[in-house]
N, C-alpha and C. Protein backbone atom coordinates (compact mmCIF):
# COMPACT_ATOMS: atom_id res chain seq x y z
N UNK A 1 10.79 36.99 -1.60
CA UNK A 1 11.30 35.71 -2.05
C UNK A 1 10.86 34.64 -1.08
N UNK A 2 10.32 33.56 -1.60
CA UNK A 2 9.83 32.45 -0.78
C UNK A 2 10.85 31.33 -0.78
N UNK A 3 11.16 30.82 0.40
CA UNK A 3 12.04 29.66 0.47
C UNK A 3 11.62 28.80 1.64
N UNK A 4 12.00 27.53 1.61
CA UNK A 4 11.68 26.60 2.68
C UNK A 4 12.83 26.53 3.65
N UNK A 5 12.50 26.56 4.91
CA UNK A 5 13.51 26.32 5.94
C UNK A 5 13.53 24.84 6.24
N UNK A 6 14.69 24.28 6.36
CA UNK A 6 14.82 22.87 6.66
C UNK A 6 15.32 22.71 8.09
N UNK A 7 14.90 21.64 8.71
CA UNK A 7 15.32 21.39 10.09
C UNK A 7 14.14 21.45 11.03
N UNK A 8 14.40 21.54 12.34
CA UNK A 8 13.33 21.47 13.34
C UNK A 8 12.27 22.56 13.21
N UNK A 9 12.64 23.72 12.69
CA UNK A 9 11.68 24.82 12.61
C UNK A 9 10.76 24.70 11.40
N UNK A 10 11.09 23.83 10.47
CA UNK A 10 10.29 23.68 9.26
C UNK A 10 8.98 22.95 9.58
N UNK A 11 7.97 23.16 8.75
CA UNK A 11 6.70 22.45 8.95
C UNK A 11 6.82 21.01 8.44
N UNK A 12 6.01 20.13 8.99
CA UNK A 12 6.01 18.73 8.57
C UNK A 12 5.14 18.56 7.34
N UNK A 13 5.64 17.82 6.38
CA UNK A 13 4.84 17.45 5.23
C UNK A 13 4.06 16.19 5.58
N UNK A 14 3.02 15.91 4.84
CA UNK A 14 2.15 14.77 5.10
C UNK A 14 2.93 13.47 5.18
N UNK A 15 3.92 13.30 4.31
CA UNK A 15 4.67 12.04 4.26
C UNK A 15 5.77 11.98 5.33
N UNK A 16 5.94 13.03 6.14
CA UNK A 16 6.98 13.04 7.16
C UNK A 16 6.44 12.80 8.55
N UNK A 17 5.16 12.50 8.66
CA UNK A 17 4.56 12.29 9.97
C UNK A 17 3.39 11.33 9.86
N UNK A 18 2.96 10.78 10.98
CA UNK A 18 1.78 9.90 10.93
C UNK A 18 0.55 10.69 10.47
N UNK A 19 -0.31 10.04 9.74
CA UNK A 19 -1.54 10.66 9.26
C UNK A 19 -2.67 10.28 10.22
N UNK A 20 -3.45 11.26 10.65
CA UNK A 20 -4.57 10.94 11.53
C UNK A 20 -5.67 10.25 10.73
N UNK A 21 -6.56 9.60 11.44
CA UNK A 21 -7.66 8.90 10.78
C UNK A 21 -8.51 9.87 9.96
N UNK A 22 -8.78 11.04 10.52
CA UNK A 22 -9.57 12.05 9.81
C UNK A 22 -8.89 12.52 8.54
N UNK A 23 -7.56 12.76 8.61
CA UNK A 23 -6.83 13.17 7.42
C UNK A 23 -6.86 12.09 6.36
N UNK A 24 -6.67 10.83 6.78
CA UNK A 24 -6.70 9.72 5.82
C UNK A 24 -8.06 9.65 5.13
N UNK A 25 -9.15 9.78 5.90
CA UNK A 25 -10.48 9.70 5.30
C UNK A 25 -10.73 10.86 4.34
N UNK A 26 -10.28 12.09 4.70
CA UNK A 26 -10.45 13.24 3.82
C UNK A 26 -9.64 13.06 2.53
N UNK A 27 -8.40 12.59 2.66
CA UNK A 27 -7.55 12.38 1.48
C UNK A 27 -8.15 11.30 0.59
N UNK A 28 -8.61 10.19 1.21
CA UNK A 28 -9.20 9.10 0.44
C UNK A 28 -10.46 9.55 -0.28
N UNK A 29 -11.31 10.29 0.42
CA UNK A 29 -12.55 10.78 -0.19
C UNK A 29 -12.23 11.72 -1.36
N UNK A 30 -11.23 12.57 -1.18
CA UNK A 30 -10.83 13.47 -2.26
C UNK A 30 -10.31 12.72 -3.47
N UNK A 31 -9.52 11.67 -3.22
CA UNK A 31 -8.98 10.88 -4.32
C UNK A 31 -10.10 10.17 -5.08
N UNK A 32 -11.06 9.61 -4.34
CA UNK A 32 -12.19 8.94 -4.98
C UNK A 32 -13.01 9.94 -5.80
N UNK A 33 -13.27 11.10 -5.22
CA UNK A 33 -14.04 12.12 -5.93
C UNK A 33 -13.32 12.57 -7.20
N UNK A 34 -12.01 12.76 -7.09
CA UNK A 34 -11.24 13.20 -8.25
C UNK A 34 -11.25 12.16 -9.36
N UNK A 35 -11.03 10.91 -9.01
CA UNK A 35 -10.98 9.87 -10.03
C UNK A 35 -12.34 9.57 -10.63
N UNK A 36 -13.40 9.62 -9.82
CA UNK A 36 -14.73 9.31 -10.34
C UNK A 36 -15.36 10.48 -11.08
N UNK A 37 -14.83 11.69 -10.89
CA UNK A 37 -15.41 12.86 -11.54
C UNK A 37 -15.03 12.96 -13.02
N UNK A 38 -14.00 12.22 -13.42
CA UNK A 38 -13.55 12.34 -14.80
C UNK A 38 -12.54 13.46 -14.98
N UNK A 39 -12.25 14.22 -13.92
CA UNK A 39 -11.25 15.28 -14.02
C UNK A 39 -9.85 14.70 -14.16
N UNK A 40 -9.69 13.49 -13.66
CA UNK A 40 -8.40 12.82 -13.76
C UNK A 40 -8.62 11.52 -14.50
N UNK A 41 -8.12 11.41 -15.67
CA UNK A 41 -8.30 10.20 -16.46
C UNK A 41 -6.93 9.66 -16.86
N UNK A 42 -6.82 8.36 -16.93
CA UNK A 42 -5.58 7.74 -17.35
C UNK A 42 -5.64 7.58 -18.86
N UNK A 43 -4.80 8.32 -19.58
CA UNK A 43 -4.86 8.22 -21.04
C UNK A 43 -4.14 6.97 -21.54
N UNK A 44 -4.80 6.24 -22.39
CA UNK A 44 -4.18 5.09 -23.01
C UNK A 44 -4.03 3.89 -22.10
N UNK A 45 -3.32 2.92 -22.58
CA UNK A 45 -3.13 1.67 -21.89
C UNK A 45 -1.70 1.60 -21.35
N UNK A 46 -1.55 1.01 -20.20
CA UNK A 46 -0.23 0.86 -19.60
C UNK A 46 0.12 -0.62 -19.58
N UNK A 47 1.27 -0.95 -20.11
CA UNK A 47 1.72 -2.34 -20.15
C UNK A 47 3.01 -2.47 -19.36
N UNK A 48 3.09 -3.47 -18.53
CA UNK A 48 4.30 -3.73 -17.75
C UNK A 48 5.25 -4.57 -18.57
N UNK A 49 6.53 -4.45 -18.24
CA UNK A 49 7.53 -5.29 -18.89
C UNK A 49 7.33 -6.73 -18.43
N UNK A 50 7.70 -7.67 -19.27
CA UNK A 50 7.60 -9.08 -18.90
C UNK A 50 8.51 -9.35 -17.71
N UNK A 51 8.00 -10.02 -16.69
CA UNK A 51 8.81 -10.25 -15.50
C UNK A 51 9.96 -11.21 -15.77
N UNK A 52 11.06 -10.97 -15.10
CA UNK A 52 12.22 -11.86 -15.19
C UNK A 52 12.40 -12.50 -13.82
N UNK A 53 12.28 -13.83 -13.71
CA UNK A 53 12.41 -14.48 -12.40
C UNK A 53 13.71 -14.14 -11.68
N UNK A 54 14.79 -13.95 -12.43
CA UNK A 54 16.08 -13.63 -11.80
C UNK A 54 16.08 -12.23 -11.19
N UNK A 55 15.25 -11.33 -11.71
CA UNK A 55 15.22 -9.94 -11.23
C UNK A 55 14.16 -9.71 -10.15
N UNK A 56 13.42 -10.76 -9.81
CA UNK A 56 12.41 -10.62 -8.76
C UNK A 56 13.09 -10.33 -7.43
N UNK A 57 12.41 -9.57 -6.57
CA UNK A 57 13.02 -9.26 -5.28
C UNK A 57 13.04 -10.46 -4.35
N UNK A 58 14.02 -10.47 -3.48
CA UNK A 58 14.07 -11.48 -2.42
C UNK A 58 13.01 -11.09 -1.39
N UNK A 59 12.20 -12.04 -0.95
CA UNK A 59 11.19 -11.70 0.07
C UNK A 59 11.83 -11.55 1.45
N UNK A 60 11.12 -10.87 2.35
CA UNK A 60 11.58 -10.80 3.74
C UNK A 60 11.52 -12.21 4.30
N UNK A 61 12.40 -12.51 5.25
CA UNK A 61 12.32 -13.84 5.87
C UNK A 61 11.22 -13.79 6.92
N UNK A 62 10.42 -14.81 6.94
CA UNK A 62 9.28 -14.85 7.85
C UNK A 62 8.04 -14.32 7.18
N UNK A 63 6.97 -14.27 7.94
CA UNK A 63 5.71 -13.77 7.41
C UNK A 63 4.53 -14.42 8.11
N UNK A 64 3.43 -14.53 7.38
CA UNK A 64 2.17 -15.03 7.94
C UNK A 64 1.76 -16.32 7.23
N UNK A 65 1.42 -17.34 8.00
CA UNK A 65 0.86 -18.56 7.43
C UNK A 65 -0.62 -18.60 7.81
N UNK A 66 -1.47 -18.81 6.83
CA UNK A 66 -2.91 -18.83 7.06
C UNK A 66 -3.37 -20.25 7.33
N UNK A 67 -3.28 -20.65 8.59
CA UNK A 67 -3.73 -21.97 9.00
C UNK A 67 -2.75 -23.06 8.62
N UNK A 68 -2.91 -24.24 9.21
CA UNK A 68 -2.03 -25.36 8.88
C UNK A 68 -2.19 -25.77 7.42
N UNK A 69 -1.10 -25.76 6.69
CA UNK A 69 -1.15 -26.11 5.28
C UNK A 69 -1.71 -25.02 4.39
N UNK A 70 -2.04 -23.88 4.98
CA UNK A 70 -2.59 -22.77 4.20
C UNK A 70 -1.51 -21.99 3.50
N UNK A 71 -1.89 -20.96 2.78
CA UNK A 71 -0.89 -20.17 2.06
C UNK A 71 0.03 -19.42 3.02
N UNK A 72 1.26 -19.20 2.59
CA UNK A 72 2.24 -18.45 3.36
C UNK A 72 2.57 -17.18 2.58
N UNK A 73 2.49 -16.03 3.25
CA UNK A 73 2.78 -14.75 2.61
C UNK A 73 3.95 -14.10 3.33
N UNK A 74 4.95 -13.65 2.57
CA UNK A 74 6.12 -12.99 3.15
C UNK A 74 5.81 -11.53 3.46
N UNK A 75 5.00 -11.33 4.46
CA UNK A 75 4.66 -9.99 4.93
C UNK A 75 4.25 -10.12 6.39
N UNK A 76 4.49 -9.07 7.16
CA UNK A 76 4.14 -9.09 8.57
C UNK A 76 2.90 -8.24 8.81
N UNK A 77 2.10 -8.61 9.80
CA UNK A 77 0.95 -7.76 10.14
C UNK A 77 1.44 -6.37 10.53
N UNK A 78 0.62 -5.36 10.31
CA UNK A 78 1.04 -4.00 10.65
C UNK A 78 1.31 -3.89 12.15
N UNK A 79 2.49 -3.44 12.47
CA UNK A 79 2.91 -3.27 13.86
C UNK A 79 4.04 -2.26 13.85
N UNK A 80 4.12 -1.47 14.87
CA UNK A 80 5.15 -0.43 14.97
C UNK A 80 6.55 -1.02 14.85
N UNK A 81 6.77 -2.24 15.34
CA UNK A 81 8.10 -2.84 15.34
C UNK A 81 8.35 -3.80 14.17
N UNK A 82 7.38 -3.98 13.29
CA UNK A 82 7.52 -4.92 12.17
C UNK A 82 7.95 -4.19 10.91
N UNK A 83 8.65 -4.90 10.05
CA UNK A 83 9.06 -4.36 8.76
C UNK A 83 7.81 -4.23 7.88
N UNK A 84 7.46 -3.03 7.41
CA UNK A 84 6.24 -2.88 6.60
C UNK A 84 6.41 -3.36 5.16
N UNK A 85 7.65 -3.60 4.73
CA UNK A 85 7.90 -4.05 3.37
C UNK A 85 7.79 -5.56 3.29
N UNK A 86 7.50 -6.07 2.11
CA UNK A 86 7.52 -7.51 1.88
C UNK A 86 8.77 -7.91 1.11
N UNK A 87 9.67 -6.95 0.90
CA UNK A 87 10.87 -7.17 0.11
C UNK A 87 12.09 -7.15 1.02
N UNK A 88 12.90 -8.20 0.96
CA UNK A 88 14.14 -8.25 1.73
C UNK A 88 15.21 -7.39 1.07
N UNK A 89 16.13 -6.84 1.85
CA UNK A 89 17.22 -6.00 1.34
C UNK A 89 16.68 -4.90 0.45
N UNK A 90 15.77 -4.12 1.03
CA UNK A 90 15.04 -3.08 0.31
C UNK A 90 15.42 -1.71 0.85
N UNK A 91 15.61 -0.73 -0.02
CA UNK A 91 15.90 0.64 0.37
C UNK A 91 14.99 1.56 -0.44
N UNK A 92 14.01 2.15 0.23
CA UNK A 92 13.09 3.02 -0.50
C UNK A 92 11.93 3.45 0.36
N UNK A 93 10.84 3.81 -0.28
CA UNK A 93 9.63 4.28 0.39
C UNK A 93 8.63 3.15 0.54
N UNK A 94 7.99 3.12 1.69
CA UNK A 94 6.91 2.16 1.93
C UNK A 94 5.73 2.95 2.48
N UNK A 95 4.57 2.77 1.89
CA UNK A 95 3.35 3.37 2.40
C UNK A 95 2.39 2.26 2.74
N UNK A 96 1.70 2.40 3.87
CA UNK A 96 0.78 1.35 4.30
C UNK A 96 -0.49 1.99 4.84
N UNK A 97 -1.61 1.34 4.57
CA UNK A 97 -2.89 1.78 5.10
C UNK A 97 -3.71 0.55 5.48
N UNK A 98 -4.20 0.55 6.69
CA UNK A 98 -5.12 -0.48 7.14
C UNK A 98 -6.49 0.19 7.15
N UNK A 99 -7.37 -0.28 6.30
CA UNK A 99 -8.69 0.33 6.17
C UNK A 99 -9.72 -0.66 6.69
N UNK A 100 -10.49 -0.22 7.66
CA UNK A 100 -11.54 -1.06 8.24
C UNK A 100 -12.84 -0.27 8.28
N UNK A 101 -13.93 -0.98 8.14
CA UNK A 101 -15.21 -0.30 8.21
C UNK A 101 -16.37 -1.27 8.22
N UNK A 102 -17.56 -0.71 8.31
CA UNK A 102 -18.79 -1.50 8.32
C UNK A 102 -19.70 -0.99 7.21
N UNK A 103 -20.57 -1.86 6.80
CA UNK A 103 -21.55 -1.47 5.80
C UNK A 103 -22.75 -2.38 5.89
N UNK A 104 -23.70 -2.15 5.02
CA UNK A 104 -24.90 -2.97 4.97
C UNK A 104 -25.07 -3.49 3.55
N UNK A 105 -25.20 -4.81 3.43
CA UNK A 105 -25.46 -5.42 2.14
C UNK A 105 -26.95 -5.66 1.97
N UNK A 106 -27.47 -5.38 0.78
CA UNK A 106 -28.89 -5.56 0.51
C UNK A 106 -29.07 -6.49 -0.68
N UNK A 107 -29.85 -7.55 -0.48
CA UNK A 107 -30.21 -8.44 -1.58
C UNK A 107 -31.28 -7.71 -2.39
N UNK A 108 -30.97 -7.36 -3.62
CA UNK A 108 -31.90 -6.56 -4.42
C UNK A 108 -33.15 -7.33 -4.83
N UNK A 109 -33.11 -8.65 -4.74
CA UNK A 109 -34.29 -9.44 -5.07
C UNK A 109 -35.25 -9.53 -3.90
N UNK A 110 -34.70 -9.83 -2.71
CA UNK A 110 -35.56 -10.04 -1.53
C UNK A 110 -35.67 -8.81 -0.63
N UNK A 111 -34.71 -7.89 -0.76
CA UNK A 111 -34.70 -6.73 0.12
C UNK A 111 -34.07 -7.01 1.48
N UNK A 112 -33.64 -8.25 1.71
CA UNK A 112 -33.03 -8.62 2.98
C UNK A 112 -31.66 -7.94 3.11
N UNK A 113 -31.38 -7.43 4.31
CA UNK A 113 -30.11 -6.76 4.57
C UNK A 113 -29.29 -7.56 5.57
N UNK A 114 -28.00 -7.38 5.51
CA UNK A 114 -27.11 -7.98 6.50
C UNK A 114 -25.90 -7.06 6.70
N UNK A 115 -25.33 -7.15 7.90
CA UNK A 115 -24.16 -6.33 8.23
C UNK A 115 -22.92 -6.91 7.55
N UNK A 116 -22.06 -6.02 7.06
CA UNK A 116 -20.82 -6.42 6.41
C UNK A 116 -19.65 -5.75 7.09
N UNK A 117 -18.52 -6.42 7.11
CA UNK A 117 -17.29 -5.85 7.64
C UNK A 117 -16.29 -5.74 6.51
N UNK A 118 -15.48 -4.69 6.54
CA UNK A 118 -14.43 -4.49 5.55
C UNK A 118 -13.12 -4.35 6.28
N UNK A 119 -12.10 -5.09 5.85
CA UNK A 119 -10.78 -5.03 6.48
C UNK A 119 -9.75 -5.24 5.38
N UNK A 120 -8.93 -4.24 5.12
CA UNK A 120 -7.99 -4.32 4.02
C UNK A 120 -6.62 -3.79 4.45
N UNK A 121 -5.58 -4.51 4.06
CA UNK A 121 -4.19 -4.12 4.31
C UNK A 121 -3.62 -3.77 2.94
N UNK A 122 -3.31 -2.51 2.71
CA UNK A 122 -2.79 -2.07 1.42
C UNK A 122 -1.43 -1.41 1.63
N UNK A 123 -0.47 -1.74 0.78
CA UNK A 123 0.88 -1.18 0.90
C UNK A 123 1.47 -0.95 -0.48
N UNK A 124 2.38 0.02 -0.56
CA UNK A 124 3.18 0.19 -1.76
C UNK A 124 4.64 0.30 -1.36
N UNK A 125 5.50 -0.13 -2.25
CA UNK A 125 6.94 -0.06 -2.03
C UNK A 125 7.57 0.45 -3.32
N UNK A 126 8.46 1.42 -3.19
CA UNK A 126 9.16 1.94 -4.36
C UNK A 126 10.59 2.24 -3.95
N UNK A 127 11.53 1.64 -4.65
CA UNK A 127 12.93 1.87 -4.33
C UNK A 127 13.84 0.85 -4.97
N UNK A 128 15.00 0.65 -4.34
CA UNK A 128 15.96 -0.32 -4.86
C UNK A 128 15.95 -1.55 -3.97
N UNK A 129 16.29 -2.68 -4.58
CA UNK A 129 16.28 -3.94 -3.84
C UNK A 129 17.33 -4.88 -4.44
N UNK A 130 17.69 -5.87 -3.65
CA UNK A 130 18.60 -6.93 -4.13
C UNK A 130 17.72 -8.02 -4.72
N UNK A 131 17.94 -8.35 -5.99
CA UNK A 131 17.13 -9.36 -6.69
C UNK A 131 17.61 -10.76 -6.34
N UNK A 132 16.81 -11.74 -6.75
CA UNK A 132 17.12 -13.15 -6.52
C UNK A 132 18.51 -13.49 -7.08
N UNK A 133 18.88 -12.89 -8.23
CA UNK A 133 20.18 -13.18 -8.83
C UNK A 133 21.32 -12.37 -8.19
N UNK A 134 21.01 -11.56 -7.18
CA UNK A 134 22.04 -10.78 -6.47
C UNK A 134 22.25 -9.38 -7.02
N UNK A 135 21.66 -9.05 -8.15
CA UNK A 135 21.84 -7.72 -8.74
C UNK A 135 20.99 -6.68 -8.01
N UNK A 136 21.39 -5.40 -8.11
CA UNK A 136 20.59 -4.31 -7.55
C UNK A 136 19.59 -3.88 -8.62
N UNK A 137 18.33 -3.76 -8.23
CA UNK A 137 17.26 -3.39 -9.15
C UNK A 137 16.45 -2.25 -8.55
N UNK A 138 15.69 -1.58 -9.39
CA UNK A 138 14.77 -0.53 -8.96
C UNK A 138 13.38 -0.93 -9.40
N UNK A 139 12.40 -0.72 -8.53
CA UNK A 139 11.05 -1.09 -8.91
C UNK A 139 9.99 -0.50 -8.00
N UNK A 140 8.75 -0.68 -8.40
CA UNK A 140 7.58 -0.28 -7.63
C UNK A 140 6.67 -1.48 -7.47
N UNK A 141 6.13 -1.68 -6.27
CA UNK A 141 5.32 -2.84 -5.97
C UNK A 141 4.12 -2.42 -5.13
N UNK A 142 3.03 -3.17 -5.24
CA UNK A 142 1.86 -2.94 -4.39
C UNK A 142 1.42 -4.27 -3.77
N UNK A 143 0.84 -4.17 -2.60
CA UNK A 143 0.26 -5.31 -1.91
C UNK A 143 -1.13 -4.90 -1.48
N UNK A 144 -2.13 -5.63 -1.94
CA UNK A 144 -3.52 -5.32 -1.55
C UNK A 144 -4.15 -6.57 -1.03
């Protein structure tokens, strides 16, 4: 009979510990391969419910302003001591990935190449939150 032991002697699952860079790259490559292979297809069309302004989540207080007079986003840069969610009064799961890399861009007409940088902050949030109207709601959100 197979059973899981819980507590300190149990093994860590992927979502219960930090993921190493190598693990993240292997998981990402596997996901890309799976989705591009056609083995995993999304059947049909998915439509979201019409948003209700009163049910929208309250944002975290504070965030990032992009230059004087620039846009303001209610999210904090990734930091061990910062709230990874962009939703205030939130109880649930938050996943975050900072993906950075280099590449080479090629002008197909001239053949000229140039170095490119890639830097992306991607997060998901799924759980319960206090909405603008004060009600408790459940939802899933992404930030890319």
